[in-house]
Amino acid sequence: MRLGIDLGTTFSAGAYINTADEPEIIINKEGGRLMPSVVYFEDCNKVIVGEAAKENSILYPRRVISAVKNYMGKKVDFPMENGKSYTPEEISAFILRKLVNDATEYAGQDVEGVVITIPAYFTDAQRKATEDAAKIAGIRLLATINEPTAAAIYYAHKLRLEGNANVMVYDLGGGTFDVTIIQIKQSDIVVKSTHGLANVGGKFFDQDIVDYVCDYLMEKHNIDLEEEEYLDEYQELILKAENCKIQLSSKNSANIIIKIGRIKESIPITKELFEDKVKKFYNRSVISMKKALRDSGLTFDDLDKIILVGGSSKIPYISQQIQNLTGKQPSKEVNPDEAVALGAALYSNMLMEDVNESSIIDVCSHSIGVVVIDNLKNKQKVNHILIPRNSSLPCGVEQIFYTTVNNQKAIELSVTEGEFKELSDVTTLFTSIIDLPEKLPAGTEVKIRLELDKNQLLHIYCEIPSVQLSEEFTIKRDANMDDEELNELMGLIANYEIN
């Protein structure tokens, strides 16, 4: 059995192809179709993932980690009460392992490999961190796929589309946002462009409610709920804020009950107040939608369908504003919570040669370039884009450099990720001093080739044709684990009991 996994910020889900050749959501051991992406360390070797972990966040906040997806691709550690510290990759590995264990029990089959979905706007470091998480979990990773692309695959399958359709996928989850323009050509999926925003979504809407309540308590009672002594009350408020957000999808007002010592408050949160918070994000998403359309060469009038994906896209204000902007009512034909996992399951099936009747063409979400000397700017170092954003994957571009003096000892190669010329506005992915063979004459040709594979991971090659030298670089990403750290963690998850 192959498993499609939607590894989400707040909720995760798994899906597989059942005996009727249809994608089906895995029902987890707790009876749910979605599993909270929350990990609770009961002791040094026992981990609880999902709904029970989320419930324990109130009683044992120092043993619980949630929303780890927002930290993928960052060099951070989470110290726990058990005396151990865990990386985002390790926490994600526990979530992945739980999904695989539940799938095995539900379907009665072993999982031979998984496809993991990731936000289209994830960076190289975030994509690599996701792959590392699968390795730590001891899971065979078949491929990764962008979340909006997976949703489009499921949409095309569900409606058995024939002919062409231009689709905009508006993907707003717990902590990420992507908008992707996709052309469906019968059974083929062609991604035209993508754009996104970091650190937005349902988790941040919850935080807006939390901040409002904290400000209320400070102003009225001089209580700073973020102080250490109120950690339990603050953790409980986070869960109440999430529930309040859900209620406001169908009600005009919801109350948050707070009890601290003798102080009792019922704080009303109106839909108007909540939508004012959401509006700030939505206005930013409009800019992303327009940029994605411009890059695709389409307009709102050219769109045939708008698909909403991700739990936060169900907020009524979002769908209403999109309809006002585009003149088209967003489709309700797919479940925003499940479409990504179901599409990933379909994609896992497409990877098998004997059933591959469709093609998927995705694009890169960020430009890749090299640092060069700008002679027009007093020989300042600037970013020079080689692979533009929205290039079809896989892709590769070659740049020819020349040695400047006889017997040049080395050249410096720095590879970047980002859309801007100034180095302060882009991320440097890789820097290396390339040692050159002795006695090369000035003007010797040095070829540098950058490639992005179908998973949007970067590969770097150097060639000096005159001396038949060719080398592929092992990229040491500062934000990711090195091979030694990764090898140390692989297999350790077997020492944990995961429920």
Protein backbone atom coordinates (compact mmCIF):
# COMPACT_ATOMS: atom_id res chain seq x y z
CA MET A 1 0.00 0.00 0.00
CA ARG A 2 1.15 3.51 -0.82
CA LEU A 3 0.11 6.35 1.44
CA GLY A 4 -0.52 10.00 0.61
CA ILE A 5 0.18 12.29 3.57
CA ASP A 6 -0.97 15.85 4.12
CA LEU A 7 1.52 16.94 6.80
CA GLY A 8 -0.27 20.02 8.08
CA THR A 9 0.48 22.76 10.60
CA THR A 10 -2.56 22.07 12.79
CA PHE A 11 -3.99 18.85 11.33
CA SER A 12 -2.55 15.99 9.28
CA ALA A 13 -4.25 13.28 7.26
CA GLY A 14 -3.42 10.13 5.33
CA ALA A 15 -5.12 8.54 2.32
CA TYR A 16 -4.66 5.45 0.17
CA ILE A 17 -6.13 3.84 -2.94
CA ASN A 18 -8.74 1.30 -1.83
CA THR A 19 -9.85 -1.92 -3.53
CA ALA A 20 -12.29 0.06 -5.69
CA ASP A 21 -9.34 2.07 -7.07
CA GLU A 22 -10.61 5.20 -5.33
CA PRO A 23 -8.70 7.43 -2.89
CA GLU A 24 -9.89 6.99 0.68
CA ILE A 25 -9.06 8.86 3.88
CA ILE A 26 -7.50 6.76 6.64
CA ILE A 27 -9.57 6.64 9.82
CA ASN A 28 -7.10 6.89 12.69
CA LYS A 29 -7.14 4.84 15.90
CA GLU A 30 -9.10 7.58 17.64
CA GLY A 31 -11.84 7.36 14.99
CA GLY A 32 -11.01 10.66 13.31
CA ARG A 33 -10.37 11.53 9.67
CA LEU A 34 -8.01 14.34 10.63
CA MET A 35 -5.29 14.11 13.26
CA PRO A 36 -4.06 17.14 15.22
CA SER A 37 -0.36 17.72 14.42
CA VAL A 38 0.48 17.71 18.12
CA VAL A 39 3.08 15.63 19.95
CA TYR A 40 3.03 14.89 23.70
CA PHE A 41 6.00 13.29 25.47
CA GLU A 42 4.47 11.15 28.21
CA ASP A 43 7.92 9.99 29.30
CA CYS A 44 11.39 9.51 27.83
CA ASN A 45 10.32 6.72 25.48
CA LYS A 46 6.57 7.12 25.09
CA VAL A 47 5.06 9.59 22.65
CA ILE A 48 1.40 10.37 22.08
CA VAL A 49 0.39 12.05 18.81
CA GLY A 50 -2.95 13.57 17.85
CA GLU A 51 -6.12 14.37 19.77
CA ALA A 52 -4.92 13.06 23.14
CA ALA A 53 -1.72 15.08 22.79
CA LYS A 54 -3.74 18.20 22.08
CA GLU A 55 -5.88 17.62 25.18
CA ASN A 56 -2.76 17.17 27.33
CA SER A 57 -1.44 20.56 26.22
CA ILE A 58 -3.53 22.17 28.98
CA LEU A 59 -2.27 19.90 31.78
CA TYR A 60 1.31 19.49 30.60
CA PRO A 61 2.24 22.42 28.32
CA ARG A 62 5.98 21.76 28.78
CA ARG A 63 5.60 18.28 27.34
CA VAL A 64 3.68 19.25 24.21
CA ILE A 65 4.77 20.60 20.83
CA SER A 66 2.37 21.83 18.14
CA ALA A 67 2.52 23.73 14.85
CA VAL A 68 6.04 22.43 14.22
CA LYS A 69 5.58 22.90 10.48
CA ASN A 70 6.24 26.62 10.95
CA TYR A 71 9.75 25.75 12.15
CA MET A 72 10.76 23.37 9.36
CA GLY A 73 13.96 24.47 7.69
CA LYS A 74 15.11 26.36 10.79
CA LYS A 75 17.93 25.40 13.12
CA VAL A 76 15.93 25.27 16.36
CA ASP A 77 15.45 22.81 19.21
CA PHE A 78 12.48 22.22 21.49
CA PRO A 79 13.56 21.33 25.07
CA MET A 80 11.06 19.07 26.80
CA GLU A 81 10.34 18.26 30.41
CA ASN A 82 11.85 14.79 29.91
CA GLY A 83 15.28 16.42 29.66
CA LYS A 84 15.63 15.88 25.91
CA SER A 85 15.53 18.39 23.08
CA TYR A 86 13.96 17.71 19.70
CA THR A 87 14.36 19.26 16.26
CA PRO A 88 11.41 20.12 13.99
CA GLU A 89 12.41 17.16 11.81
CA GLU A 90 12.18 14.76 14.77
CA ILE A 91 8.76 16.07 15.83
CA SER A 92 7.50 15.74 12.25
CA ALA A 93 8.91 12.21 12.17
CA PHE A 94 6.72 11.22 15.14
CA ILE A 95 3.66 12.60 13.33
CA LEU A 96 4.56 10.73 10.14
CA ARG A 97 5.15 7.48 12.03
CA LYS A 98 1.75 7.74 13.74
CA LEU A 99 0.03 8.30 10.38
CA VAL A 100 1.77 5.27 8.89
CA ASN A 101 0.97 3.08 11.92
CA ASP A 102 -2.71 4.07 11.80
CA ALA A 103 -2.85 3.43 8.05
CA THR A 104 -1.41 -0.05 8.48
CA GLU A 105 -4.02 -0.91 11.11
CA TYR A 106 -6.93 0.64 9.20
CA ALA A 107 -6.21 -0.90 5.79
CA GLY A 108 -4.67 -4.11 7.06
CA GLN A 109 -1.68 -3.62 4.76
CA ASP A 110 1.91 -2.56 5.23
CA VAL A 111 2.88 0.86 3.89
CA GLU A 112 5.56 0.40 1.22
CA GLY A 113 6.10 4.12 0.63
CA VAL A 114 4.61 7.57 1.08
CA VAL A 115 4.06 10.80 -0.84
CA ILE A 116 4.23 13.83 1.45
CA THR A 117 2.63 17.12 0.47
CA ILE A 118 4.27 20.45 1.20
CA PRO A 119 3.26 24.08 0.70
CA ALA A 120 4.10 25.30 -2.80
CA TYR A 121 5.93 28.27 -1.31
CA PHE A 122 8.26 26.16 0.86
CA THR A 123 11.94 26.99 0.48
CA ASP A 124 14.76 24.59 -0.36
CA ALA A 125 15.62 24.25 3.34
CA GLN A 126 12.00 23.49 4.29
CA ARG A 127 11.70 20.87 1.57
CA LYS A 128 14.94 19.22 2.65
CA ALA A 129 13.75 19.23 6.29
CA THR A 130 10.57 17.40 5.24
CA GLU A 131 12.60 14.74 3.42
CA ASP A 132 14.84 14.38 6.48
CA ALA A 133 11.77 13.89 8.70
CA ALA A 134 10.70 10.94 6.55
CA LYS A 135 14.19 9.41 6.85
CA ILE A 136 14.17 9.81 10.64
CA ALA A 137 10.74 8.15 10.75
CA GLY A 138 12.13 5.18 8.84
CA ILE A 139 9.67 5.72 6.00
CA ARG A 140 10.38 5.22 2.31
CA LEU A 141 9.67 8.58 0.67
CA LEU A 142 8.42 8.09 -2.88
CA ALA A 143 8.13 11.81 -3.63
CA THR A 144 6.97 15.12 -2.31
CA ILE A 145 4.31 17.16 -4.10
CA ASN A 146 3.04 20.69 -3.64
CA GLU A 147 -0.24 20.83 -1.74
CA PRO A 148 -2.21 22.82 -4.37
CA THR A 149 -1.06 20.43 -7.09
CA ALA A 150 -2.25 17.45 -5.05
CA ALA A 151 -5.63 19.14 -4.53
CA ALA A 152 -5.94 19.74 -8.29
CA ILE A 153 -5.18 16.07 -8.98
CA TYR A 154 -8.02 15.04 -6.70
CA TYR A 155 -10.36 17.66 -8.16
CA ALA A 156 -9.67 16.45 -11.71
CA HIS A 157 -10.18 12.84 -10.63
CA LYS A 158 -13.38 13.48 -8.70
CA LEU A 159 -15.05 15.39 -11.53
CA ARG A 160 -13.60 13.13 -14.24
CA LEU A 161 -12.77 16.28 -16.18
CA GLU A 162 -12.63 16.10 -19.95
CA GLY A 163 -11.28 18.97 -21.99
CA ASN A 164 -9.41 21.94 -20.51
CA ALA A 165 -9.97 23.95 -17.34
CA ASN A 166 -8.06 26.83 -15.78
CA VAL A 167 -8.16 26.42 -12.00
CA MET A 168 -7.01 28.65 -9.16
CA VAL A 169 -6.23 26.76 -5.96
CA TYR A 170 -6.48 29.01 -2.89
CA ASP A 171 -4.76 27.03 -0.13
CA LEU A 172 -5.09 28.49 3.37
CA GLY A 173 -4.17 26.08 6.14
CA GLY A 174 -3.16 26.34 9.76
CA GLY A 175 0.10 28.15 9.15
CA THR A 176 0.78 28.52 5.43
CA PHE A 177 -0.83 30.11 2.38
CA ASP A 178 -0.34 29.35 -1.32
CA VAL A 179 -2.21 30.37 -4.44
CA THR A 180 -1.52 28.31 -7.53
CA ILE A 181 -2.78 28.61 -11.09
CA ILE A 182 -3.22 25.21 -12.72
CA GLN A 183 -4.33 24.14 -16.17
CA ILE A 184 -6.08 20.79 -16.33
CA LYS A 185 -5.81 19.22 -19.77
CA GLN A 186 -7.93 16.10 -19.61
CA SER A 187 -5.82 13.79 -17.41
CA ASP A 188 -2.77 16.09 -17.33
CA ILE A 189 -2.03 18.69 -14.65
CA VAL A 190 0.10 21.68 -15.69
CA VAL A 191 1.04 24.18 -12.99
CA LYS A 192 1.39 27.62 -14.55
CA SER A 193 2.46 29.69 -11.55
CA THR A 194 2.43 29.87 -7.79
CA HIS A 195 2.79 32.49 -5.07
CA GLY A 196 2.47 32.45 -1.31
CA LEU A 197 2.93 34.01 2.08
CA ALA A 198 4.80 32.75 5.11
CA ASN A 199 3.41 32.50 8.65
CA VAL A 200 -0.27 33.03 7.93
CA GLY A 201 -3.36 30.89 8.50
CA GLY A 202 -5.63 29.51 11.17
CA LYS A 203 -3.02 29.30 13.92
CA PHE A 204 -2.33 33.01 13.52
CA PHE A 205 -6.05 33.85 13.49
CA ASP A 206 -6.30 31.97 16.79
CA GLN A 207 -3.38 34.02 18.10
CA ASP A 208 -5.18 37.26 17.18
CA ILE A 209 -8.07 36.19 19.43
CA VAL A 210 -5.62 35.21 22.18
CA ASP A 211 -3.90 38.60 21.95
CA TYR A 212 -7.25 40.39 22.12
CA VAL A 213 -8.20 38.52 25.31
CA CYS A 214 -4.75 39.13 26.83
CA ASP A 215 -5.05 42.86 26.12
CA TYR A 216 -8.53 42.86 27.68
CA LEU A 217 -7.28 41.19 30.88
CA MET A 218 -4.30 43.50 31.14
CA GLU A 219 -6.41 46.60 30.70
CA LYS A 220 -9.23 45.58 33.02
CA HIS A 221 -7.47 43.48 35.67
CA ASN A 222 -3.75 44.21 35.19
CA ILE A 223 -3.12 40.51 34.54
CA ASP A 224 -0.37 39.57 32.12
CA LEU A 225 -1.52 36.18 30.94
CA GLU A 226 1.81 35.59 29.18
CA GLU A 227 3.70 35.45 32.45
CA GLU A 228 5.03 32.08 33.61
CA GLU A 229 2.55 31.76 36.50
CA TYR A 230 -0.38 31.77 34.06
CA LEU A 231 1.06 29.21 31.63
CA ASP A 232 -1.79 26.73 32.17
CA GLU A 233 -4.48 29.40 31.69
CA TYR A 234 -2.71 30.70 28.58
CA GLN A 235 -2.52 27.22 27.06
CA GLU A 236 -6.22 26.71 27.72
CA LEU A 237 -6.98 30.06 26.10
CA ILE A 238 -5.30 28.92 22.89
CA LEU A 239 -7.72 25.99 22.63
CA LYS A 240 -10.68 28.23 23.47
CA ALA A 241 -9.62 30.70 20.78
CA GLU A 242 -9.60 27.92 18.18
CA ASN A 243 -13.09 26.82 19.23
CA CYS A 244 -14.26 30.44 19.16
CA LYS A 245 -12.98 30.82 15.58
CA ILE A 246 -14.94 27.72 14.52
CA GLN A 247 -18.13 29.01 16.18
CA LEU A 248 -17.85 32.32 14.34
CA SER A 249 -18.25 30.52 11.02
CA SER A 250 -21.93 30.08 11.84
CA LYS A 251 -22.61 32.58 14.65
CA ASN A 252 -22.37 36.35 14.94
CA SER A 253 -20.72 36.18 18.35
CA ALA A 254 -18.99 33.73 20.67
CA ASN A 255 -17.84 34.10 24.26
CA ILE A 256 -14.54 33.10 25.80
CA ILE A 257 -14.86 32.18 29.47
CA ILE A 258 -11.84 33.05 31.61
CA LYS A 259 -11.39 32.12 35.28
CA ILE A 260 -8.24 33.22 37.11
CA GLY A 261 -8.51 32.98 40.91
CA ARG A 262 -11.56 35.03 41.87
CA ILE A 263 -11.73 36.76 38.51
CA LYS A 264 -14.34 35.43 36.11
CA GLU A 265 -14.95 36.95 32.71
CA SER A 266 -17.09 36.12 29.71
CA ILE A 267 -15.40 38.01 26.89
CA PRO A 268 -17.48 38.38 23.71
CA ILE A 269 -15.73 37.96 20.35
CA THR A 270 -17.92 39.25 17.53
CA LYS A 271 -17.78 38.09 13.94
CA GLU A 272 -17.08 41.68 12.95
CA LEU A 273 -14.03 41.82 15.23
CA PHE A 274 -12.75 38.47 13.97
CA GLU A 275 -13.26 39.35 10.31
CA ASP A 276 -11.37 42.57 10.84
CA LYS A 277 -8.38 40.44 11.88
CA VAL A 278 -8.82 38.11 8.88
CA LYS A 279 -9.20 41.09 6.53
CA LYS A 280 -5.58 42.12 7.08
CA PHE A 281 -4.41 38.74 5.85
CA TYR A 282 -6.93 38.55 3.01
CA ASN A 283 -5.76 41.85 1.57
CA ARG A 284 -2.23 40.44 1.39
CA SER A 285 -3.53 37.30 -0.29
CA VAL A 286 -5.16 39.41 -3.02
CA ILE A 287 -1.69 40.66 -3.98
CA SER A 288 -0.50 37.03 -4.19
CA MET A 289 -3.49 36.05 -6.34
CA LYS A 290 -2.85 38.89 -8.78
CA LYS A 291 0.88 38.08 -8.98
CA ALA A 292 0.18 34.41 -9.65
CA LEU A 293 -2.33 35.28 -12.38
CA ARG A 294 0.06 37.76 -13.97
CA ASP A 295 2.85 35.16 -14.01
CA SER A 296 0.51 32.59 -15.59
CA GLY A 297 -0.60 34.98 -18.33
CA LEU A 298 -4.25 34.65 -17.26
CA THR A 299 -6.88 36.93 -15.76
CA PHE A 300 -9.72 36.28 -13.34
CA ASP A 301 -12.05 36.07 -16.36
CA ASP A 302 -9.99 33.16 -17.73
CA LEU A 303 -10.56 31.02 -14.64
CA ASP A 304 -13.04 28.18 -14.89
CA LYS A 305 -12.90 27.11 -11.24
CA ILE A 306 -11.63 28.30 -7.89
CA ILE A 307 -10.85 25.54 -5.40
CA LEU A 308 -10.55 26.28 -1.69
CA VAL A 309 -8.09 24.06 0.16
CA GLY A 310 -7.07 23.97 3.83
CA GLY A 311 -9.23 24.24 6.93
CA SER A 312 -8.96 28.02 7.21
CA SER A 313 -10.31 28.49 3.70
CA LYS A 314 -13.71 27.49 5.15
CA ILE A 315 -13.98 30.84 6.94
CA PRO A 316 -17.08 32.40 5.26
CA TYR A 317 -15.43 35.81 4.97
CA ILE A 318 -12.66 34.32 2.79
CA SER A 319 -14.94 32.65 0.24
CA GLN A 320 -17.24 35.68 0.08
CA GLN A 321 -14.38 38.08 -0.57
CA ILE A 322 -12.91 35.82 -3.26
CA GLN A 323 -16.30 35.72 -4.96
CA ASN A 324 -16.56 39.52 -4.77
CA LEU A 325 -13.10 39.87 -6.30
CA THR A 326 -13.34 37.29 -9.06
CA GLY A 327 -17.04 37.20 -9.82
CA LYS A 328 -16.91 33.42 -9.39
CA GLN A 329 -18.23 31.38 -6.49
CA PRO A 330 -15.52 29.07 -5.10
CA SER A 331 -16.19 25.40 -5.75
CA LYS A 332 -17.71 23.28 -3.00
CA GLU A 333 -17.07 20.04 -4.88
CA VAL A 334 -14.08 18.95 -2.81
CA ASN A 335 -13.56 18.84 0.95
CA PRO A 336 -10.95 21.51 1.80
CA ASP A 337 -9.68 19.41 4.72
CA GLU A 338 -9.17 16.19 2.76
CA ALA A 339 -8.48 17.11 -0.89
CA VAL A 340 -4.71 17.38 -0.44
CA ALA A 341 -4.24 13.95 1.19
CA LEU A 342 -6.57 12.32 -1.36
CA GLY A 343 -4.65 13.92 -4.20
CA ALA A 344 -1.37 12.71 -2.71
CA ALA A 345 -2.75 9.16 -2.65
CA LEU A 346 -3.65 9.45 -6.33
CA TYR A 347 -0.19 10.79 -7.11
CA SER A 348 1.45 7.90 -5.27
CA ASN A 349 -0.44 5.62 -7.64
CA MET A 350 0.61 7.66 -10.68
CA LEU A 351 4.25 7.02 -9.78
CA MET A 352 3.79 3.35 -10.63
CA GLU A 353 4.74 2.85 -14.26
CA ASP A 354 1.93 0.42 -15.05
CA VAL A 355 -0.79 2.90 -14.06
CA ASN A 356 0.85 6.18 -15.12
CA GLU A 357 -1.59 7.55 -17.68
CA SER A 358 -1.25 11.20 -16.64
CA SER A 359 1.50 13.78 -16.50
CA ILE A 360 2.11 16.31 -13.75
CA ILE A 361 4.14 19.39 -14.57
CA ASP A 362 4.92 21.54 -11.52
CA VAL A 363 6.94 24.74 -11.18
CA CYS A 364 9.55 26.09 -8.77
CA SER A 365 8.24 28.57 -6.24
CA HIS A 366 11.44 30.60 -5.80
CA SER A 367 14.15 31.80 -8.17
CA ILE A 368 17.62 30.26 -7.91
CA GLY A 369 20.69 32.33 -8.77
CA VAL A 370 24.38 32.92 -8.19
CA VAL A 371 26.33 35.80 -6.70
CA VAL A 372 28.20 37.82 -9.35
CA ILE A 373 30.25 41.02 -9.46
CA ASP A 374 28.32 43.99 -10.89
CA ASN A 375 30.86 46.18 -12.69
CA LEU A 376 28.27 48.94 -13.01
CA LYS A 377 27.90 49.10 -9.22
CA ASN A 378 31.52 49.60 -8.19
CA LYS A 379 32.07 45.85 -8.42
CA GLN A 380 29.51 45.11 -5.70
CA LYS A 381 28.29 41.57 -5.24
CA VAL A 382 24.69 41.10 -6.46
CA ASN A 383 22.25 38.26 -7.09
CA HIS A 384 22.00 37.01 -10.67
CA ILE A 385 18.96 34.77 -11.29
CA LEU A 386 19.58 31.67 -13.38
CA ILE A 387 16.38 29.69 -12.77
CA PRO A 388 13.40 32.09 -12.60
CA ARG A 389 10.48 31.44 -10.28
CA ASN A 390 7.69 29.39 -11.94
CA SER A 391 10.11 27.48 -14.18
CA SER A 392 8.75 24.03 -15.05
CA LEU A 393 10.29 21.14 -13.10
CA PRO A 394 12.69 19.46 -13.43
CA CYS A 395 14.94 22.12 -14.90
CA GLY A 396 18.58 23.09 -15.20
CA VAL A 397 20.60 26.12 -16.30
CA GLU A 398 24.30 26.41 -17.05
CA GLN A 399 26.45 29.49 -16.44
CA ILE A 400 29.95 29.85 -17.92
CA PHE A 401 32.63 31.64 -15.88
CA TYR A 402 36.24 32.33 -16.79
CA THR A 403 39.42 32.44 -14.77
CA THR A 404 40.84 35.96 -14.65
CA VAL A 405 44.56 35.35 -14.13
CA ASN A 406 47.11 32.70 -15.00
CA ASN A 407 47.37 29.87 -12.46
CA GLN A 408 44.25 31.06 -10.59
CA LYS A 409 43.98 29.01 -7.42
CA ALA A 410 40.22 29.04 -6.80
CA ILE A 411 36.84 30.61 -7.52
CA GLU A 412 34.06 31.36 -5.03
CA LEU A 413 30.58 30.04 -5.82
CA SER A 414 27.54 31.24 -3.88
CA VAL A 415 24.04 30.00 -4.81
CA THR A 416 20.98 32.00 -3.79
CA GLU A 417 17.22 31.63 -3.43
CA GLY A 418 14.99 34.65 -3.98
CA GLU A 419 13.66 37.17 -6.45
CA PHE A 420 15.74 40.27 -5.77
CA LYS A 421 19.11 41.64 -6.86
CA GLU A 422 20.33 42.83 -3.47
CA LEU A 423 21.95 40.04 -1.46
CA SER A 424 20.31 41.27 1.74
CA ASP A 425 16.91 40.42 0.20
CA VAL A 426 17.68 36.79 -0.76
CA THR A 427 18.82 33.63 1.03
CA THR A 428 22.28 32.24 0.40
CA LEU A 429 21.82 28.47 0.12
CA PHE A 430 25.37 27.41 -0.52
CA THR A 431 28.86 28.90 -0.64
CA SER A 432 31.98 27.03 -1.63
CA ILE A 433 35.55 27.81 -2.60
CA ILE A 434 36.27 25.69 -5.67
CA ASP A 435 39.95 24.78 -5.85
CA LEU A 436 41.25 24.88 -9.42
CA PRO A 437 43.92 22.65 -11.01
CA GLU A 438 47.39 24.14 -11.28
CA LYS A 439 48.66 26.09 -14.29
CA LEU A 440 45.29 27.00 -15.78
CA PRO A 441 45.68 29.94 -18.15
CA ALA A 442 43.59 33.09 -17.74
CA GLY A 443 40.28 32.79 -19.55
CA THR A 444 39.84 29.07 -18.82
CA GLU A 445 36.19 28.11 -19.08
CA VAL A 446 34.48 26.98 -15.86
CA LYS A 447 30.91 25.70 -16.25
CA ILE A 448 28.54 25.89 -13.29
CA ARG A 449 25.24 24.05 -13.65
CA LEU A 450 22.26 24.41 -11.29
CA GLU A 451 19.44 21.86 -11.41
CA LEU A 452 16.13 21.56 -9.60
CA ASP A 453 14.72 18.03 -9.49
CA LYS A 454 11.02 17.18 -9.57
CA ASN A 455 10.89 17.63 -5.77
CA GLN A 456 12.38 21.13 -6.20
CA LEU A 457 15.61 20.22 -4.42
CA LEU A 458 18.81 21.84 -5.69
CA HIS A 459 21.82 20.11 -7.27
CA ILE A 460 25.06 21.94 -8.15
CA TYR A 461 27.70 20.83 -10.67
CA CYS A 462 31.07 22.24 -11.76
CA GLU A 463 32.93 21.33 -14.96
CA ILE A 464 36.25 22.48 -16.45
CA PRO A 465 36.17 20.99 -19.97
CA SER A 466 39.82 21.72 -20.84
CA VAL A 467 41.11 19.40 -18.10
CA GLN A 468 38.11 17.02 -18.09
CA LEU A 469 37.21 17.88 -14.49
CA SER A 470 33.61 17.37 -13.36
CA GLU A 471 32.17 17.50 -9.84
CA GLU A 472 28.79 17.49 -8.11
CA PHE A 473 28.68 19.41 -4.83
CA THR A 474 27.19 18.07 -1.64
CA ILE A 475 25.17 20.99 -0.36
CA LYS A 476 25.66 21.69 3.31
CA ARG A 477 22.62 23.74 4.17
CA ASP A 478 23.13 25.78 7.33
CA ALA A 479 19.43 25.50 8.22
CA ASN A 480 19.33 21.71 7.88
CA MET A 481 20.89 18.72 9.57
CA ASP A 482 24.18 17.50 8.18
CA ASP A 483 24.62 13.84 7.23
CA GLU A 484 26.21 12.95 10.56
CA GLU A 485 23.31 14.40 12.58
CA LEU A 486 20.76 12.72 10.33
CA ASN A 487 22.44 9.32 10.49
CA GLU A 488 22.56 9.59 14.27
CA LEU A 489 18.79 10.07 14.48
CA MET A 490 17.76 7.52 11.86
CA GLY A 491 16.57 4.44 13.63
CA LEU A 492 16.27 6.07 17.06
CA ILE A 493 12.51 6.47 16.58
CA ALA A 494 12.25 2.68 16.94
CA ASN A 495 13.07 3.18 20.64
CA TYR A 496 9.84 5.09 21.16
CA GLU A 497 6.34 3.76 21.76
CA ILE A 498 4.11 5.93 19.57
CA ASN A 499 0.36 6.09 20.18
